[in-house]
Protein backbone atom coordinates (compact mmCIF):
# COMPACT_ATOMS: atom_id res chain seq x y z
CA MET A 1 -13.45 9.87 3.13
CA PRO A 2 -10.57 11.16 5.30
CA LYS A 3 -7.19 10.28 3.81
CA ILE A 4 -4.70 8.77 6.26
CA GLU A 5 -1.60 8.41 4.11
CA ARG A 6 -0.43 8.28 0.51
CA ILE A 7 2.51 6.27 -0.88
CA LYS A 8 3.86 7.10 -4.32
CA LEU A 9 4.16 3.90 -6.36
CA SER A 10 5.16 5.51 -9.66
CA ASP A 11 4.86 8.79 -11.53
CA THR A 12 1.21 7.99 -12.27
CA GLN A 13 0.09 5.82 -9.31
CA ASP A 14 -0.30 6.23 -5.55
CA LEU A 15 -1.54 3.86 -2.87
CA VAL A 16 -3.94 5.76 -0.61
CA ALA A 17 -5.16 4.66 2.81
CA SER A 18 -8.47 6.19 3.90
CA LEU A 19 -11.04 5.73 6.66
CA VAL A 20 -14.64 5.22 5.60
CA ASP A 21 -17.39 6.01 8.13
CA ASN A 22 -14.79 5.70 10.94
CA GLU A 23 -15.15 1.91 10.76
CA LYS A 24 -13.56 0.70 7.52
CA LEU A 25 -10.05 0.92 6.11
CA ASP A 26 -9.84 1.49 2.37
CA LEU A 27 -6.53 0.86 0.56
CA ARG A 28 -6.86 1.90 -3.05
CA ILE A 29 -4.72 2.69 -6.08
CA PHE A 30 -5.15 6.23 -7.40
CA VAL A 31 -3.95 7.15 -10.88
CA LYS A 32 -3.16 10.39 -12.65
CA THR A 33 -3.15 10.19 -16.44
CA ASP A 34 -4.21 12.40 -19.32
CA ASP A 35 -7.49 10.47 -19.56
CA TYR A 36 -8.37 9.92 -15.89
CA THR A 37 -7.38 11.08 -12.43
CA GLY A 38 -8.82 9.38 -9.37
CA ALA A 39 -9.47 6.09 -7.63
CA THR A 40 -9.40 2.76 -9.43
CA LYS A 41 -11.12 -0.52 -8.64
CA ARG A 42 -7.73 -1.90 -7.58
CA GLY A 43 -7.67 -2.04 -3.81
CA PHE A 44 -9.67 -3.35 -0.91
CA ARG A 45 -11.80 -2.27 2.04
CA PHE A 46 -12.47 -4.04 5.31
CA TYR A 47 -14.10 -3.40 8.68
CA LEU A 48 -11.68 -2.50 11.43
CA PHE A 49 -13.78 -3.81 14.31
CA ASP A 50 -14.46 -7.43 13.36
CA ASN A 51 -11.01 -8.60 14.53
CA ASN A 52 -9.89 -7.88 10.97
CA TRP A 53 -7.45 -5.16 12.05
CA ILE A 54 -5.58 -7.53 14.39
CA GLU A 55 -5.38 -10.18 11.66
CA PHE A 56 -4.28 -7.59 9.09
CA LYS A 57 -1.47 -6.40 11.39
CA LYS A 58 -0.34 -10.02 11.81
CA LEU A 59 -0.30 -10.39 8.02
CA ILE A 60 1.75 -7.20 7.61
CA ASN A 61 4.21 -8.40 10.28
CA GLU A 62 4.68 -11.66 8.36
CA VAL A 63 5.18 -9.75 5.10
CA ASP A 64 7.73 -7.56 6.88
CA LYS A 65 9.62 -10.63 8.15
CA ALA A 66 9.70 -12.12 4.65
CA TYR A 67 10.86 -8.79 3.21
CA ASN A 68 13.69 -8.56 5.75
CA GLU A 69 14.76 -12.15 5.00
CA ILE A 70 15.09 -11.44 1.28
CA GLY A 71 16.47 -7.94 1.81
CA ARG A 72 19.42 -7.08 -0.38
CA PRO A 73 22.59 -5.29 0.72
CA ARG A 74 22.64 -1.50 0.42
CA GLY A 75 23.56 -0.30 -3.04
CA GLU A 76 22.50 -3.54 -4.77
CA GLN A 77 20.09 -3.12 -7.71
CA CYS A 78 16.57 -4.47 -7.44
CA PRO A 79 16.14 -6.86 -10.40
CA ARG A 80 12.49 -5.93 -11.05
CA ARG A 81 12.40 -2.17 -10.76
CA ASN A 82 16.01 -1.23 -11.38
CA GLU A 83 16.15 0.68 -8.09
CA THR A 84 18.97 0.91 -5.60
CA LYS A 85 18.38 0.05 -1.95
CA ARG A 86 19.15 3.02 0.27
C-alpha cells in the first residue's frame, strides 16, 4: 500500500493516507506504543472513481470554511489541546 502522506497527531499517533490498488484512498490512524506499532481499525477507505473523490473534496472544503470561521487569532490558546495558533 503506497503511502501518500503522514500527519503527526500526537507522540504516539499519526494519520496516514495511502492508496490501495490504485483505486481506493485509505485514511487510517497508526499508533506506536510499547505493546503495538501499526495500523488501527480507526479510519476509513473509499473508492476514488465512484464520484466519491469529488464529494469528499466538497466535504473537506466545507470543513475548511467552518475551520476558518471559528479560527482564533494568532497566539491565542486552543481550549482543547492547550496549543498556540501559529
